[in-house]
Amino acid sequence: ASGIWRNPHVYWDSSTSVNSVHFGVLVPVIVS
C-alpha cells in the first residue's frame, strides 16, 4: 500500500516494444 500510494516509483520507456506499452510501479517490500 505504501509503495502504491505514497510517492510511487514509476518506470516507463518508449525505446522498446515491450516497455513502450507498459508502465511499472516499482514496489520494494521488506520481508521480516
Full PDB file with SEQRES, HELIX, SHEET, SSBOND, CRYST1, ORIGX, SCALE, CONECT and MASTER records, all heavy atoms in Angstrom:
SEQRES   1 A   32  ALA SER GLY ILE TRP ARG ASN PRO HIS VAL TYR TRP ASP          
SEQRES   2 A   32  SER SER THR SER VAL ASN SER VAL HIS PHE GLY VAL LEU          
SEQRES   3 A   32  VAL PRO VAL ILE VAL SER                                      
HELIX    1 AA1 SER A    2  TRP A    5  1                                   4    
HELIX    2 AA2 ASN A   19  VAL A   21  5                                   3    
SHEET    1 AA1 2 HIS A   9  TYR A  11  0                                        
SHEET    2 AA1 2 GLY A  24  LEU A  26 -1                                        
CRYST1    1.000    1.000    1.000  90.00  90.00  90.00 P 1           1          
ORIGX1      1.000000  0.000000  0.000000        0.00000                         
ORIGX2      0.000000  1.000000  0.000000        0.00000                         
ORIGX3      0.000000  0.000000  1.000000        0.00000                         
SCALE1      1.000000  0.000000  0.000000        0.00000                         
SCALE2      0.000000  1.000000  0.000000        0.00000                         
SCALE3      0.000000  0.000000  1.000000        0.00000                         
ATOM      1  N   ALA A   1       0.824  -1.208   0.000  1.00  0.00           N  
ATOM      2  CA  ALA A   1       0.000   0.000   0.000  1.00  0.00           C  
ATOM      3  C   ALA A   1       0.855   1.253   0.000  1.00  0.00           C  
ATOM      4  O   ALA A   1       0.585   2.219  -0.732  1.00  0.00           O  
ATOM      5  CB  ALA A   1      -0.930  -0.005   1.215  1.00  0.00           C  
ATOM      6  N   SER A   2       1.915   1.238   0.792  1.00  0.00           N  
ATOM      7  CA  SER A   2       2.811   2.394   0.849  1.00  0.00           C  
ATOM      8  C   SER A   2       3.478   2.622  -0.498  1.00  0.00           C  
ATOM      9  O   SER A   2       3.591   3.767  -0.969  1.00  0.00           O  
ATOM     10  CB  SER A   2       3.873   2.177   1.932  1.00  0.00           C  
ATOM     11  OG  SER A   2       4.777   3.261   1.985  1.00  0.00           O  
ATOM     12  N   GLY A   3       3.926   1.532  -1.135  1.00  0.00           N  
ATOM     13  CA  GLY A   3       4.604   1.658  -2.424  1.00  0.00           C  
ATOM     14  C   GLY A   3       3.703   2.143  -3.534  1.00  0.00           C  
ATOM     15  O   GLY A   3       4.158   2.784  -4.489  1.00  0.00           O  
ATOM     16  N   ILE A   4       2.409   1.861  -3.426  1.00  0.00           N  
ATOM     17  CA  ILE A   4       1.454   2.295  -4.439  1.00  0.00           C  
ATOM     18  C   ILE A   4       1.010   3.732  -4.204  1.00  0.00           C  
ATOM     19  O   ILE A   4       0.955   4.551  -5.135  1.00  0.00           O  
ATOM     20  CB  ILE A   4       0.218   1.367  -4.454  1.00  0.00           C  
ATOM     21  CG1 ILE A   4       0.603  -0.077  -4.799  1.00  0.00           C  
ATOM     22  CG2 ILE A   4      -0.851   1.903  -5.424  1.00  0.00           C  
ATOM     23  CD1 ILE A   4       1.114  -0.281  -6.200  1.00  0.00           C  
ATOM     24  N   TRP A   5       0.680   4.067  -2.956  1.00  0.00           N  
ATOM     25  CA  TRP A   5       0.012   5.331  -2.660  1.00  0.00           C  
ATOM     26  C   TRP A   5       0.944   6.453  -2.233  1.00  0.00           C  
ATOM     27  O   TRP A   5       0.601   7.625  -2.386  1.00  0.00           O  
ATOM     28  CB  TRP A   5      -1.034   5.121  -1.569  1.00  0.00           C  
ATOM     29  CG  TRP A   5      -2.155   4.231  -1.991  1.00  0.00           C  
ATOM     30  CD1 TRP A   5      -2.356   2.937  -1.613  1.00  0.00           C  
ATOM     31  CD2 TRP A   5      -3.232   4.547  -2.877  1.00  0.00           C  
ATOM     32  NE1 TRP A   5      -3.489   2.431  -2.206  1.00  0.00           N  
ATOM     33  CE2 TRP A   5      -4.048   3.404  -2.987  1.00  0.00           C  
ATOM     34  CE3 TRP A   5      -3.584   5.705  -3.589  1.00  0.00           C  
ATOM     35  CZ2 TRP A   5      -5.192   3.375  -3.779  1.00  0.00           C  
ATOM     36  CZ3 TRP A   5      -4.726   5.672  -4.369  1.00  0.00           C  
ATOM     37  CH2 TRP A   5      -5.512   4.530  -4.460  1.00  0.00           C  
ATOM     38  N   ARG A   6       2.093   6.130  -1.679  1.00  0.00           N  
ATOM     39  CA  ARG A   6       2.954   7.162  -1.093  1.00  0.00           C  
ATOM     40  C   ARG A   6       4.163   7.415  -1.999  1.00  0.00           C  
ATOM     41  O   ARG A   6       5.149   6.697  -1.958  1.00  0.00           O  
ATOM     42  CB  ARG A   6       3.412   6.726   0.300  1.00  0.00           C  
ATOM     43  CG  ARG A   6       4.072   7.826   1.120  1.00  0.00           C  
ATOM     44  CD  ARG A   6       4.352   7.337   2.535  1.00  0.00           C  
ATOM     45  NE  ARG A   6       3.130   6.914   3.206  1.00  0.00           N  
ATOM     46  CZ  ARG A   6       3.113   6.192   4.331  1.00  0.00           C  
ATOM     47  NH1 ARG A   6       4.249   5.788   4.872  1.00  0.00           N  
ATOM     48  NH2 ARG A   6       1.969   5.866   4.876  1.00  0.00           N  
ATOM     49  N   ASN A   7       4.085   8.442  -2.825  1.00  0.00           N  
ATOM     50  CA  ASN A   7       5.172   8.798  -3.752  1.00  0.00           C  
ATOM     51  C   ASN A   7       5.677   7.576  -4.519  1.00  0.00           C  
ATOM     52  O   ASN A   7       6.861   7.204  -4.413  1.00  0.00           O  
ATOM     53  CB  ASN A   7       6.328   9.458  -2.999  1.00  0.00           C  
ATOM     54  CG  ASN A   7       5.894  10.688  -2.220  1.00  0.00           C  
ATOM     55  OD1 ASN A   7       5.978  10.711  -0.997  1.00  0.00           O  
ATOM     56  ND2 ASN A   7       5.397  11.692  -2.915  1.00  0.00           N  
ATOM     57  N   PRO A   8       4.816   6.928  -5.295  1.00  0.00           N  
ATOM     58  CA  PRO A   8       5.209   5.701  -6.004  1.00  0.00           C  
ATOM     59  C   PRO A   8       6.318   5.949  -7.025  1.00  0.00           C  
ATOM     60  O   PRO A   8       6.410   7.020  -7.618  1.00  0.00           O  
ATOM     61  CB  PRO A   8       3.915   5.280  -6.709  1.00  0.00           C  
ATOM     62  CG  PRO A   8       3.122   6.542  -6.848  1.00  0.00           C  
ATOM     63  CD  PRO A   8       3.435   7.329  -5.614  1.00  0.00           C  
ATOM     64  N   HIS A   9       7.152   4.937  -7.200  1.00  0.00           N  
ATOM     65  CA  HIS A   9       8.240   4.978  -8.181  1.00  0.00           C  
ATOM     66  C   HIS A   9       7.696   4.404  -9.489  1.00  0.00           C  
ATOM     67  O   HIS A   9       7.361   3.221  -9.571  1.00  0.00           O  
ATOM     68  CB  HIS A   9       9.418   4.149  -7.681  1.00  0.00           C  
ATOM     69  CG  HIS A   9      10.609   4.186  -8.586  1.00  0.00           C  
ATOM     70  ND1 HIS A   9      11.839   3.664  -8.228  1.00  0.00           N  
ATOM     71  CD2 HIS A   9      10.782   4.683  -9.835  1.00  0.00           C  
ATOM     72  CE1 HIS A   9      12.692   3.828  -9.223  1.00  0.00           C  
ATOM     73  NE2 HIS A   9      12.071   4.439 -10.208  1.00  0.00           N  
ATOM     74  N   VAL A  10       7.611   5.245 -10.504  1.00  0.00           N  
ATOM     75  CA  VAL A  10       7.040   4.853 -11.786  1.00  0.00           C  
ATOM     76  C   VAL A  10       8.133   4.756 -12.836  1.00  0.00           C  
ATOM     77  O   VAL A  10       9.021   5.624 -12.917  1.00  0.00           O  
ATOM     78  CB  VAL A  10       5.955   5.861 -12.231  1.00  0.00           C  
ATOM     79  CG1 VAL A  10       5.513   5.597 -13.664  1.00  0.00           C  
ATOM     80  CG2 VAL A  10       4.755   5.784 -11.300  1.00  0.00           C  
ATOM     81  N   TYR A  11       8.081   3.685 -13.628  1.00  0.00           N  
ATOM     82  CA  TYR A  11       9.051   3.485 -14.712  1.00  0.00           C  
ATOM     83  C   TYR A  11       8.315   3.204 -16.016  1.00  0.00           C  
ATOM     84  O   TYR A  11       7.410   2.366 -16.074  1.00  0.00           O  
ATOM     85  CB  TYR A  11       9.995   2.317 -14.391  1.00  0.00           C  
ATOM     86  CG  TYR A  11      10.984   2.048 -15.500  1.00  0.00           C  
ATOM     87  CD1 TYR A  11      12.073   2.898 -15.692  1.00  0.00           C  
ATOM     88  CD2 TYR A  11      10.826   0.972 -16.369  1.00  0.00           C  
ATOM     89  CE1 TYR A  11      12.969   2.670 -16.724  1.00  0.00           C  
ATOM     90  CE2 TYR A  11      11.718   0.743 -17.398  1.00  0.00           C  
ATOM     91  CZ  TYR A  11      12.793   1.599 -17.571  1.00  0.00           C  
ATOM     92  OH  TYR A  11      13.674   1.388 -18.602  1.00  0.00           O  
ATOM     93  N   TRP A  12       8.724   3.917 -17.065  1.00  0.00           N  
ATOM     94  CA  TRP A  12       8.186   3.699 -18.412  1.00  0.00           C  
ATOM     95  C   TRP A  12       9.252   4.121 -19.411  1.00  0.00           C  
ATOM     96  O   TRP A  12      10.000   5.070 -19.176  1.00  0.00           O  
ATOM     97  CB  TRP A  12       6.911   4.516 -18.633  1.00  0.00           C  
ATOM     98  CG  TRP A  12       6.432   4.510 -20.054  1.00  0.00           C  
ATOM     99  CD1 TRP A  12       5.733   3.513 -20.676  1.00  0.00           C  
ATOM    100  CD2 TRP A  12       6.603   5.534 -21.033  1.00  0.00           C  
ATOM    101  NE1 TRP A  12       5.470   3.856 -21.982  1.00  0.00           N  
ATOM    102  CE2 TRP A  12       5.997   5.106 -22.223  1.00  0.00           C  
ATOM    103  CE3 TRP A  12       7.233   6.784 -21.022  1.00  0.00           C  
ATOM    104  CZ2 TRP A  12       5.997   5.864 -23.397  1.00  0.00           C  
ATOM    105  CZ3 TRP A  12       7.229   7.546 -22.176  1.00  0.00           C  
ATOM    106  CH2 TRP A  12       6.601   7.091 -23.344  1.00  0.00           C  
ATOM    107  N   ASP A  13       9.349   3.398 -20.522  1.00  0.00           N  
ATOM    108  CA  ASP A  13      10.407   3.670 -21.504  1.00  0.00           C  
ATOM    109  C   ASP A  13       9.881   3.343 -22.896  1.00  0.00           C  
ATOM    110  O   ASP A  13       9.425   2.225 -23.144  1.00  0.00           O  
ATOM    111  CB  ASP A  13      11.630   2.810 -21.168  1.00  0.00           C  
ATOM    112  CG  ASP A  13      12.762   2.965 -22.165  1.00  0.00           C  
ATOM    113  OD1 ASP A  13      12.743   3.930 -22.951  1.00  0.00           O  
ATOM    114  OD2 ASP A  13      13.664   2.110 -22.150  1.00  0.00           O  
ATOM    115  N   SER A  14       9.937   4.309 -23.791  1.00  0.00           N  
ATOM    116  CA  SER A  14       9.385   4.108 -25.132  1.00  0.00           C  
ATOM    117  C   SER A  14      10.368   3.481 -26.107  1.00  0.00           C  
ATOM    118  O   SER A  14      10.036   3.274 -27.274  1.00  0.00           O  
ATOM    119  CB  SER A  14       8.921   5.458 -25.708  1.00  0.00           C  
ATOM    120  OG  SER A  14      10.024   6.328 -25.899  1.00  0.00           O  
ATOM    121  N   SER A  15      11.578   3.123 -25.652  1.00  0.00           N  
ATOM    122  CA  SER A  15      12.627   2.690 -26.580  1.00  0.00           C  
ATOM    123  C   SER A  15      12.474   1.249 -27.059  1.00  0.00           C  
ATOM    124  O   SER A  15      13.106   0.851 -28.029  1.00  0.00           O  
ATOM    125  CB  SER A  15      14.007   2.869 -25.941  1.00  0.00           C  
ATOM    126  OG  SER A  15      14.163   2.000 -24.835  1.00  0.00           O  
ATOM    127  N   THR A  16      11.661   0.435 -26.356  1.00  0.00           N  
ATOM    128  CA  THR A  16      11.471  -0.951 -26.790  1.00  0.00           C  
ATOM    129  C   THR A  16       9.978  -1.234 -26.948  1.00  0.00           C  
ATOM    130  O   THR A  16       9.131  -0.565 -26.340  1.00  0.00           O  
ATOM    131  CB  THR A  16      12.065  -1.959 -25.791  1.00  0.00           C  
ATOM    132  OG1 THR A  16      11.252  -1.990 -24.599  1.00  0.00           O  
ATOM    133  CG2 THR A  16      13.493  -1.600 -25.421  1.00  0.00           C  
ATOM    134  N   SER A  17       9.670  -2.251 -27.732  1.00  0.00           N  
ATOM    135  CA  SER A  17       8.270  -2.578 -27.997  1.00  0.00           C  
ATOM    136  C   SER A  17       7.537  -3.024 -26.739  1.00  0.00           C  
ATOM    137  O   SER A  17       6.334  -2.776 -26.588  1.00  0.00           O  
ATOM    138  CB  SER A  17       8.184  -3.671 -29.070  1.00  0.00           C  
ATOM    139  OG  SER A  17       8.843  -4.852 -28.634  1.00  0.00           O  
ATOM    140  N   VAL A  18       8.263  -3.688 -25.821  1.00  0.00           N  
ATOM    141  CA  VAL A  18       7.637  -4.153 -24.583  1.00  0.00           C  
ATOM    142  C   VAL A  18       7.416  -2.988 -23.625  1.00  0.00           C  
ATOM    143  O   VAL A  18       6.302  -2.762 -23.134  1.00  0.00           O  
ATOM    144  CB  VAL A  18       8.494  -5.236 -23.902  1.00  0.00           C  
ATOM    145  CG1 VAL A  18       7.848  -5.671 -22.583  1.00  0.00           C  
ATOM    146  CG2 VAL A  18       8.673  -6.433 -24.816  1.00  0.00           C  
ATOM    147  N   ASN A  19       8.472  -2.239 -23.349  1.00  0.00           N  
ATOM    148  CA  ASN A  19       8.382  -1.171 -22.361  1.00  0.00           C  
ATOM    149  C   ASN A  19       7.451  -0.043 -22.790  1.00  0.00           C  
ATOM    150  O   ASN A  19       6.858   0.635 -21.948  1.00  0.00           O  
ATOM    151  CB  ASN A  19       9.775  -0.602 -22.066  1.00  0.00           C  
ATOM    152  CG  ASN A  19      10.636  -1.564 -21.283  1.00  0.00           C  
ATOM    153  OD1 ASN A  19      10.140  -2.517 -20.689  1.00  0.00           O  
ATOM    154  ND2 ASN A  19      11.935  -1.339 -21.279  1.00  0.00           N  
ATOM    155  N   SER A  20       7.312   0.159 -24.087  1.00  0.00           N  
ATOM    156  CA  SER A  20       6.513   1.282 -24.560  1.00  0.00           C  
ATOM    157  C   SER A  20       5.023   1.119 -24.264  1.00  0.00           C  
ATOM    158  O   SER A  20       4.282   2.105 -24.235  1.00  0.00           O  
ATOM    159  CB  SER A  20       6.720   1.491 -26.065  1.00  0.00           C  
ATOM    160  OG  SER A  20       6.251   0.375 -26.804  1.00  0.00           O  
ATOM    161  N   VAL A  21       4.562  -0.106 -24.042  1.00  0.00           N  
ATOM    162  CA  VAL A  21       3.132  -0.323 -23.818  1.00  0.00           C  
ATOM    163  C   VAL A  21       2.821  -0.774 -22.386  1.00  0.00           C  
ATOM    164  O   VAL A  21       1.717  -1.228 -22.090  1.00  0.00           O  
ATOM    165  CB  VAL A  21       2.553  -1.340 -24.836  1.00  0.00           C  
ATOM    166  CG1 VAL A  21       2.592  -0.758 -26.239  1.00  0.00           C  
ATOM    167  CG2 VAL A  21       3.286  -2.669 -24.773  1.00  0.00           C  
ATOM    168  N   HIS A  22       3.792  -0.663 -21.491  1.00  0.00           N  
ATOM    169  CA  HIS A  22       3.594  -0.969 -20.078  1.00  0.00           C  
ATOM    170  C   HIS A  22       4.231   0.130 -19.233  1.00  0.00           C  
ATOM    171  O   HIS A  22       5.261   0.680 -19.618  1.00  0.00           O  
ATOM    172  CB  HIS A  22       4.254  -2.295 -19.677  1.00  0.00           C  
ATOM    173  CG  HIS A  22       3.807  -3.486 -20.452  1.00  0.00           C  
ATOM    174  ND1 HIS A  22       4.342  -3.823 -21.685  1.00  0.00           N  
ATOM    175  CD2 HIS A  22       2.875  -4.424 -20.182  1.00  0.00           C  
ATOM    176  CE1 HIS A  22       3.759  -4.925 -22.138  1.00  0.00           C  
ATOM    177  NE2 HIS A  22       2.864  -5.311 -21.238  1.00  0.00           N  
ATOM    178  N   PHE A  23       3.635   0.425 -18.093  1.00  0.00           N  
ATOM    179  CA  PHE A  23       4.369   1.209 -17.103  1.00  0.00           C  
ATOM    180  C   PHE A  23       4.383   0.453 -15.789  1.00  0.00           C  
ATOM    181  O   PHE A  23       3.382  -0.152 -15.386  1.00  0.00           O  
ATOM    182  CB  PHE A  23       3.832   2.638 -16.956  1.00  0.00           C  
ATOM    183  CG  PHE A  23       2.551   2.806 -16.178  1.00  0.00           C  
ATOM    184  CD1 PHE A  23       2.572   2.941 -14.789  1.00  0.00           C  
ATOM    185  CD2 PHE A  23       1.325   2.886 -16.827  1.00  0.00           C  
ATOM    186  CE1 PHE A  23       1.401   3.132 -14.068  1.00  0.00           C  
ATOM    187  CE2 PHE A  23       0.150   3.074 -16.123  1.00  0.00           C  
ATOM    188  CZ  PHE A  23       0.179   3.193 -14.734  1.00  0.00           C  
ATOM    189  N   GLY A  24       5.537   0.454 -15.160  1.00  0.00           N  
ATOM    190  CA  GLY A  24       5.708  -0.281 -13.920  1.00  0.00           C  
ATOM    191  C   GLY A  24       5.651   0.627 -12.719  1.00  0.00           C  
ATOM    192  O   GLY A  24       6.140   1.761 -12.759  1.00  0.00           O  
ATOM    193  N   VAL A  25       5.049   0.129 -11.655  1.00  0.00           N  
ATOM    194  CA  VAL A  25       5.111   0.787 -10.355  1.00  0.00           C  
ATOM    195  C   VAL A  25       6.022  -0.082  -9.502  1.00  0.00           C  
ATOM    196  O   VAL A  25       5.662  -1.215  -9.146  1.00  0.00           O  
ATOM    197  CB  VAL A  25       3.724   0.909  -9.708  1.00  0.00           C  
ATOM    198  CG1 VAL A  25       3.815   1.735  -8.430  1.00  0.00           C  
ATOM    199  CG2 VAL A  25       2.737   1.531 -10.678  1.00  0.00           C  
ATOM    200  N   LEU A  26       7.224   0.399  -9.248  1.00  0.00           N  
ATOM    201  CA  LEU A  26       8.241  -0.397  -8.567  1.00  0.00           C  
ATOM    202  C   LEU A  26       7.999  -0.348  -7.058  1.00  0.00           C  
ATOM    203  O   LEU A  26       8.099   0.712  -6.443  1.00  0.00           O  
ATOM    204  CB  LEU A  26       9.638   0.120  -8.917  1.00  0.00           C  
ATOM    205  CG  LEU A  26       9.924   0.309 -10.417  1.00  0.00           C  
ATOM    206  CD1 LEU A  26      11.385   0.714 -10.627  1.00  0.00           C  
ATOM    207  CD2 LEU A  26       9.604  -0.954 -11.210  1.00  0.00           C  
ATOM    208  N   VAL A  27       7.664  -1.500  -6.487  1.00  0.00           N  
ATOM    209  CA  VAL A  27       7.235  -1.566  -5.088  1.00  0.00           C  
ATOM    210  C   VAL A  27       8.177  -2.464  -4.296  1.00  0.00           C  
ATOM    211  O   VAL A  27       8.043  -3.701  -4.326  1.00  0.00           O  
ATOM    212  CB  VAL A  27       5.793  -2.104  -4.981  1.00  0.00           C  
ATOM    213  CG1 VAL A  27       5.331  -2.082  -3.527  1.00  0.00           C  
ATOM    214  CG2 VAL A  27       4.844  -1.292  -5.857  1.00  0.00           C  
ATOM    215  N   PRO A  28       9.158  -1.899  -3.575  1.00  0.00           N  
ATOM    216  CA  PRO A  28      10.013  -2.730  -2.721  1.00  0.00           C  
ATOM    217  C   PRO A  28       9.288  -3.083  -1.424  1.00  0.00           C  
ATOM    218  O   PRO A  28       8.685  -2.223  -0.782  1.00  0.00           O  
ATOM    219  CB  PRO A  28      11.222  -1.825  -2.452  1.00  0.00           C  
ATOM    220  CG  PRO A  28      10.684  -0.426  -2.571  1.00  0.00           C  
ATOM    221  CD  PRO A  28       9.558  -0.483  -3.569  1.00  0.00           C  
ATOM    222  N   VAL A  29       9.314  -4.356  -1.064  1.00  0.00           N  
ATOM    223  CA  VAL A  29       8.620  -4.843   0.126  1.00  0.00           C  
ATOM    224  C   VAL A  29       9.635  -5.515   1.043  1.00  0.00           C  
ATOM    225  O   VAL A  29      10.284  -6.496   0.652  1.00  0.00           O  
ATOM    226  CB  VAL A  29       7.507  -5.835  -0.253  1.00  0.00           C  
ATOM    227  CG1 VAL A  29       6.949  -6.522   0.990  1.00  0.00           C  
ATOM    228  CG2 VAL A  29       6.389  -5.118  -1.006  1.00  0.00           C  
ATOM    229  N   ILE A  30       9.773  -4.988   2.247  1.00  0.00           N  
ATOM    230  CA  ILE A  30      10.679  -5.590   3.225  1.00  0.00           C  
ATOM    231  C   ILE A  30       9.971  -6.753   3.906  1.00  0.00           C  
ATOM    232  O   ILE A  30       8.870  -6.606   4.437  1.00  0.00           O  
ATOM    233  CB  ILE A  30      11.136  -4.553   4.269  1.00  0.00           C  
ATOM    234  CG1 ILE A  30      11.914  -3.424   3.584  1.00  0.00           C  
ATOM    235  CG2 ILE A  30      11.988  -5.213   5.349  1.00  0.00           C  
ATOM    236  CD1 ILE A  30      12.291  -2.290   4.516  1.00  0.00           C  
ATOM    237  N   VAL A  31      10.595  -7.916   3.867  1.00  0.00           N  
ATOM    238  CA  VAL A  31      10.027  -9.136   4.445  1.00  0.00           C  
ATOM    239  C   VAL A  31      10.806  -9.482   5.709  1.00  0.00           C  
ATOM    240  O   VAL A  31      12.028  -9.639   5.672  1.00  0.00           O  
ATOM    241  CB  VAL A  31      10.106 -10.300   3.438  1.00  0.00           C  
ATOM    242  CG1 VAL A  31       9.588 -11.584   4.069  1.00  0.00           C  
ATOM    243  CG2 VAL A  31       9.323  -9.966   2.172  1.00  0.00           C  
ATOM    244  N   SER A  32      10.104  -9.609   6.813  1.00  0.00           N  
ATOM    245  CA  SER A  32      10.778  -9.936   8.073  1.00  0.00           C  
ATOM    246  C   SER A  32      10.387 -11.309   8.596  1.00  0.00           C  
ATOM    247  O   SER A  32      10.855 -11.721   9.658  1.00  0.00           O  
ATOM    248  CB  SER A  32      10.467  -8.869   9.130  1.00  0.00           C  
ATOM    249  OG  SER A  32       9.077  -8.787   9.374  1.00  0.00           O  
TER     250      SER A  32                                                      
MASTER        0    0    0    2    2    0    0    6  249    1    0    3          
END                                                                             
